[in-house]
N, C-alpha and C. Protein backbone atom coordinates (compact mmCIF):
# COMPACT_ATOMS: atom_id res chain seq x y z
N MET A 1 92.02 110.74 160.02
CA MET A 1 92.28 110.08 158.72
C MET A 1 92.68 108.82 158.72
N GLU A 2 92.24 107.92 157.86
CA GLU A 2 92.73 106.30 157.78
C GLU A 2 94.41 106.42 157.98
N LYS A 3 95.06 105.75 158.75
CA LYS A 3 96.32 105.74 158.88
C LYS A 3 96.90 105.23 157.82
N GLN A 4 96.43 104.31 157.10
CA GLN A 4 97.24 103.69 155.89
C GLN A 4 97.06 104.74 154.59
N LEU A 5 96.11 105.54 154.63
CA LEU A 5 95.74 106.46 153.29
C LEU A 5 96.68 107.64 153.89
N GLU A 6 96.97 107.86 155.18
CA GLU A 6 97.79 109.05 155.40
C GLU A 6 99.03 108.73 155.14
N GLU A 7 99.80 107.47 155.34
CA GLU A 7 100.94 107.10 155.01
C GLU A 7 101.25 107.13 153.54
N ARG A 8 100.14 107.06 152.79
CA ARG A 8 100.48 106.99 151.24
C ARG A 8 100.35 108.44 150.63
N ILE A 9 99.65 109.20 151.27
CA ILE A 9 99.86 110.44 150.97
C ILE A 9 100.90 111.14 151.24
N MET A 10 101.55 110.69 152.34
CA MET A 10 102.91 111.27 152.88
C MET A 10 104.14 110.81 152.01
N GLU A 11 104.04 109.47 151.46
CA GLU A 11 104.83 108.95 150.79
C GLU A 11 104.94 109.77 149.38
N ALA A 12 103.63 109.72 148.79
CA ALA A 12 103.45 110.51 147.84
C ALA A 12 104.02 111.85 147.48
N LEU A 13 103.67 112.64 148.94
CA LEU A 13 104.52 113.90 149.03
C LEU A 13 105.87 113.98 148.95
N GLU A 14 106.58 113.02 149.43
CA GLU A 14 108.04 113.00 149.47
C GLU A 14 108.34 112.60 147.90
N GLU A 15 107.57 112.60 147.15
CA GLU A 15 108.08 112.72 145.44
C GLU A 15 107.99 113.94 144.85
N VAL A 16 107.33 114.95 145.61
CA VAL A 16 107.29 116.31 145.37
C VAL A 16 108.48 116.95 145.57
N VAL A 17 109.32 117.28 144.59
CA VAL A 17 110.73 117.77 144.85
C VAL A 17 110.51 119.20 144.42
N ASP A 18 111.27 120.07 145.59
CA ASP A 18 111.71 121.42 145.03
C ASP A 18 112.67 121.53 143.92
N PRO A 19 112.22 122.18 142.93
CA PRO A 19 113.17 122.14 141.69
C PRO A 19 114.13 123.10 141.93
N GLU A 20 114.09 123.98 142.72
CA GLU A 20 115.73 125.02 143.03
C GLU A 20 116.25 124.12 143.89
N LEU A 21 116.12 123.28 144.97
CA LEU A 21 116.81 122.86 145.86
C LEU A 21 116.99 121.38 145.76
N GLY A 22 116.33 120.63 144.90
CA GLY A 22 116.38 118.99 144.81
C GLY A 22 116.14 118.07 145.94
N VAL A 23 115.26 118.61 146.79
CA VAL A 23 114.94 117.87 147.76
C VAL A 23 113.14 117.80 148.07
N ASP A 24 112.76 116.95 148.51
CA ASP A 24 111.27 116.79 148.54
C ASP A 24 110.70 117.65 149.61
N ILE A 25 109.37 118.27 149.56
CA ILE A 25 108.70 119.07 150.22
C ILE A 25 108.41 118.82 151.58
N VAL A 26 108.31 117.25 151.99
CA VAL A 26 108.26 116.90 153.22
C VAL A 26 109.52 116.90 153.96
N ASN A 27 110.69 116.53 153.50
CA ASN A 27 111.84 116.66 154.24
C ASN A 27 112.29 118.16 154.61
N LEU A 28 112.03 119.00 153.44
CA LEU A 28 112.20 120.15 153.43
C LEU A 28 111.40 121.18 154.94
N GLY A 29 110.29 120.11 155.33
CA GLY A 29 109.51 121.01 156.32
C GLY A 29 108.53 121.83 155.69
N LEU A 30 108.12 121.90 154.38
CA LEU A 30 107.23 122.62 153.92
C LEU A 30 105.89 122.28 154.04
N VAL A 31 105.46 120.86 154.30
CA VAL A 31 104.22 120.62 154.76
C VAL A 31 103.61 120.70 156.22
N TYR A 32 102.88 121.84 156.25
CA TYR A 32 102.28 122.05 157.58
C TYR A 32 101.62 120.94 158.17
N GLY A 33 100.64 120.51 157.20
CA GLY A 33 99.44 119.59 157.69
C GLY A 33 98.51 118.98 156.33
N VAL A 34 98.02 117.93 156.52
CA VAL A 34 97.36 117.25 155.68
C VAL A 34 96.04 116.62 155.96
N GLU A 35 95.02 117.05 155.43
CA GLU A 35 93.54 116.74 156.36
C GLU A 35 92.46 115.96 155.16
N LEU A 36 92.06 115.12 155.42
CA LEU A 36 91.16 114.45 154.30
C LEU A 36 89.63 114.64 154.99
N GLN A 37 89.07 115.41 153.95
CA GLN A 37 87.54 115.82 154.15
C GLN A 37 86.93 114.91 153.86
N GLU A 38 85.19 114.89 154.06
CA GLU A 38 84.51 113.90 153.99
C GLU A 38 84.38 113.49 152.50
N ASN A 39 84.39 114.30 151.57
CA ASN A 39 83.99 114.24 150.33
C ASN A 39 85.48 113.54 149.40
N ASN A 40 86.12 113.02 150.50
CA ASN A 40 87.65 112.37 149.96
C ASN A 40 88.60 113.64 149.19
N THR A 41 87.90 114.70 149.80
CA THR A 41 89.26 115.83 149.32
C THR A 41 90.29 115.83 150.14
N VAL A 42 91.51 115.91 149.79
CA VAL A 42 92.68 116.14 150.41
C VAL A 42 93.02 117.42 150.78
N VAL A 43 93.40 118.21 151.85
CA VAL A 43 93.77 119.39 151.84
C VAL A 43 94.86 119.53 152.49
N VAL A 44 96.01 119.79 151.74
CA VAL A 44 97.60 119.82 151.96
C VAL A 44 97.57 121.53 152.18
N THR A 45 97.93 122.07 153.58
CA THR A 45 98.68 123.19 154.06
C THR A 45 100.02 123.05 154.20
N MET A 46 100.63 124.16 153.23
CA MET A 46 102.03 123.93 153.33
C MET A 46 102.61 125.52 152.88
N THR A 47 104.04 125.47 153.12
CA THR A 47 104.43 126.67 152.74
C THR A 47 105.65 126.64 151.59
N LEU A 48 106.03 127.68 151.20
CA LEU A 48 107.46 127.69 150.31
C LEU A 48 108.61 128.28 151.15
N THR A 49 109.65 127.99 150.57
CA THR A 49 110.96 128.68 151.24
C THR A 49 110.98 130.03 151.08
N SER A 50 110.45 130.59 150.12
CA SER A 50 110.38 132.29 150.15
C SER A 50 109.13 132.67 149.68
N ILE A 51 108.57 133.85 150.24
CA ILE A 51 107.33 134.54 149.69
C ILE A 51 107.66 134.93 148.20
N GLY A 52 106.64 134.64 147.42
CA GLY A 52 107.32 135.14 146.00
C GLY A 52 107.97 134.10 145.10
N CYS A 53 108.08 132.77 145.72
CA CYS A 53 108.65 131.62 144.95
C CYS A 53 108.08 131.44 143.66
N PRO A 54 109.04 131.87 142.62
CA PRO A 54 108.38 131.66 141.14
C PRO A 54 107.94 130.14 140.82
N LEU A 55 108.28 129.17 141.71
CA LEU A 55 107.87 127.88 141.14
C LEU A 55 106.57 127.32 142.14
N ALA A 56 105.89 127.99 142.77
CA ALA A 56 104.79 127.81 143.56
C ALA A 56 103.83 127.18 142.74
N GLY A 57 103.34 127.65 141.48
CA GLY A 57 102.41 126.91 140.81
C GLY A 57 102.91 125.57 140.25
N ALA A 58 104.00 125.27 139.94
CA ALA A 58 104.66 124.25 139.68
C ALA A 58 104.79 123.00 140.77
N ILE A 59 104.98 123.57 141.97
CA ILE A 59 104.84 122.53 143.13
C ILE A 59 103.62 122.22 143.48
N THR A 60 102.58 123.37 143.27
CA THR A 60 101.34 123.01 143.62
C THR A 60 100.74 122.06 142.73
N GLU A 61 101.06 122.19 141.25
CA GLU A 61 100.33 121.06 140.59
C GLU A 61 100.98 119.59 140.73
N ASP A 62 102.25 119.64 140.85
CA ASP A 62 103.31 118.43 141.36
C ASP A 62 102.53 117.88 142.36
N VAL A 63 101.80 118.44 143.53
CA VAL A 63 101.11 117.87 144.83
C VAL A 63 100.04 117.15 144.16
N LYS A 64 99.30 118.07 143.52
CA LYS A 64 97.99 117.58 142.88
C LYS A 64 98.12 116.20 141.99
N ASN A 65 99.22 116.47 141.05
CA ASN A 65 99.72 115.04 140.49
C ASN A 65 99.88 113.98 141.03
N LYS A 66 100.53 114.01 142.04
CA LYS A 66 101.16 112.81 143.08
C LYS A 66 100.05 112.56 144.03
N LEU A 67 99.09 113.10 144.26
CA LEU A 67 97.93 112.81 145.26
C LEU A 67 96.61 112.16 144.69
N LEU A 68 96.16 112.89 143.33
CA LEU A 68 95.09 112.48 142.75
C LEU A 68 94.91 110.91 142.32
N PRO A 69 95.97 110.19 142.02
CA PRO A 69 95.95 108.87 141.58
C PRO A 69 95.52 107.77 142.65
N LEU A 70 95.87 108.58 143.88
CA LEU A 70 95.81 107.31 145.15
C LEU A 70 94.52 106.89 145.35
N ASP A 71 94.23 105.99 145.62
CA ASP A 71 92.81 105.11 145.75
C ASP A 71 92.24 106.00 147.23
N GLY A 72 90.93 106.60 147.23
CA GLY A 72 90.36 107.13 148.55
C GLY A 72 90.59 108.88 148.28
N VAL A 73 91.31 109.26 146.98
CA VAL A 73 91.36 110.82 146.96
C VAL A 73 90.66 110.93 145.65
N GLU A 74 89.86 111.86 145.93
CA GLU A 74 88.96 112.57 144.78
C GLU A 74 89.50 114.04 144.36
N GLN A 75 89.77 114.65 145.24
CA GLN A 75 90.07 115.91 144.88
C GLN A 75 91.42 116.31 145.90
N VAL A 76 92.30 117.54 145.47
CA VAL A 76 93.19 117.93 146.29
C VAL A 76 93.24 119.55 145.91
N GLU A 77 93.30 119.96 147.45
CA GLU A 77 93.42 121.48 147.51
C GLU A 77 94.73 122.03 148.21
N VAL A 78 95.54 122.67 147.55
CA VAL A 78 96.82 123.33 148.03
C VAL A 78 96.53 124.43 148.76
N ASN A 79 96.49 124.68 150.10
CA ASN A 79 96.70 126.22 150.76
C ASN A 79 98.00 126.47 151.12
N ILE A 80 98.63 127.60 150.40
CA ILE A 80 100.10 127.84 150.72
C ILE A 80 99.74 129.13 151.83
N THR A 81 100.55 128.86 152.84
CA THR A 81 100.56 129.73 154.09
C THR A 81 101.89 130.30 154.11
N PHE A 82 102.14 131.49 154.74
CA PHE A 82 103.63 131.82 155.27
C PHE A 82 103.36 132.17 156.66
N ASN A 83 102.54 131.60 157.31
CA ASN A 83 102.48 131.64 158.79
C ASN A 83 102.27 130.30 159.39
N PRO A 84 103.06 129.69 159.93
CA PRO A 84 104.57 130.51 160.35
C PRO A 84 104.99 130.44 159.29
N PRO A 85 106.18 131.50 159.18
CA PRO A 85 107.36 131.44 158.16
C PRO A 85 108.05 130.15 158.12
N TRP A 86 108.47 129.74 156.93
CA TRP A 86 109.52 128.38 157.02
C TRP A 86 111.01 128.90 157.51
N GLU A 87 111.55 127.93 158.24
CA GLU A 87 112.81 127.97 158.60
C GLU A 87 113.58 126.84 158.36
N LYS A 88 114.95 127.03 158.50
CA LYS A 88 115.88 125.76 158.23
C LYS A 88 115.58 124.88 158.99
N GLU A 89 115.12 125.17 160.29
CA GLU A 89 115.18 124.18 161.54
C GLU A 89 114.21 123.05 161.19
N ARG A 90 112.97 123.60 160.39
CA ARG A 90 111.94 122.59 160.04
C ARG A 90 112.55 121.52 159.03
N MET A 91 113.68 121.54 158.49
CA MET A 91 114.52 120.39 157.59
C MET A 91 114.46 119.17 158.51
N SER A 92 114.25 118.26 157.87
CA SER A 92 114.69 116.86 158.43
C SER A 92 116.34 116.84 158.24
N ARG A 93 116.67 115.84 159.08
CA ARG A 93 118.01 115.54 159.02
C ARG A 93 118.48 115.38 157.69
N TYR A 94 117.90 114.49 157.03
CA TYR A 94 118.28 113.99 155.48
C TYR A 94 118.40 115.44 154.49
N ALA A 95 117.52 116.21 154.59
CA ALA A 95 117.49 117.53 153.91
C ALA A 95 118.75 118.30 154.27
N LYS A 96 119.11 118.32 155.56
CA LYS A 96 120.17 119.21 155.75
C LYS A 96 121.54 118.60 155.13
N ILE A 97 121.39 117.31 155.43
CA ILE A 97 123.06 116.57 154.91
C ILE A 97 122.90 116.71 153.29
N ALA A 98 121.80 116.45 152.62
CA ALA A 98 121.64 116.56 151.26
C ALA A 98 122.07 118.04 150.92
N LEU A 99 121.64 119.22 151.49
CA LEU A 99 122.10 120.32 151.02
C LEU A 99 123.28 121.08 151.76
N GLY A 100 123.87 120.19 152.64
CA GLY A 100 125.08 120.60 153.19
C GLY A 100 125.11 121.66 154.33
N ILE A 101 124.00 121.60 155.19
CA ILE A 101 123.60 122.50 156.06
C ILE A 101 123.81 121.74 157.33
N GLN A 102 124.55 122.74 158.14
CA GLN A 102 124.73 122.07 159.95
C GLN A 102 123.62 122.72 160.58
């Protein structure tokens, strides 16, 4: 993936906030991978903090709404996975401070 586009995608994903925790999905460590396919489709592989998260649909829509306006992005697919399961250790230092976690 073009480095500049990858940076813009990650910056846009930092604007997607988990409504329950108030911290973005990148700093929470929920984004496992981003891939740009030949047809300019961005595939985001991510997880949620819990299985059965009631906000999964809202977060998925927010990811699409943040990425689709970017130049070079035609479509967005969001793959939700729970393998490996999310753990607090995946969070950035910023997220841990924001949530008061040691």
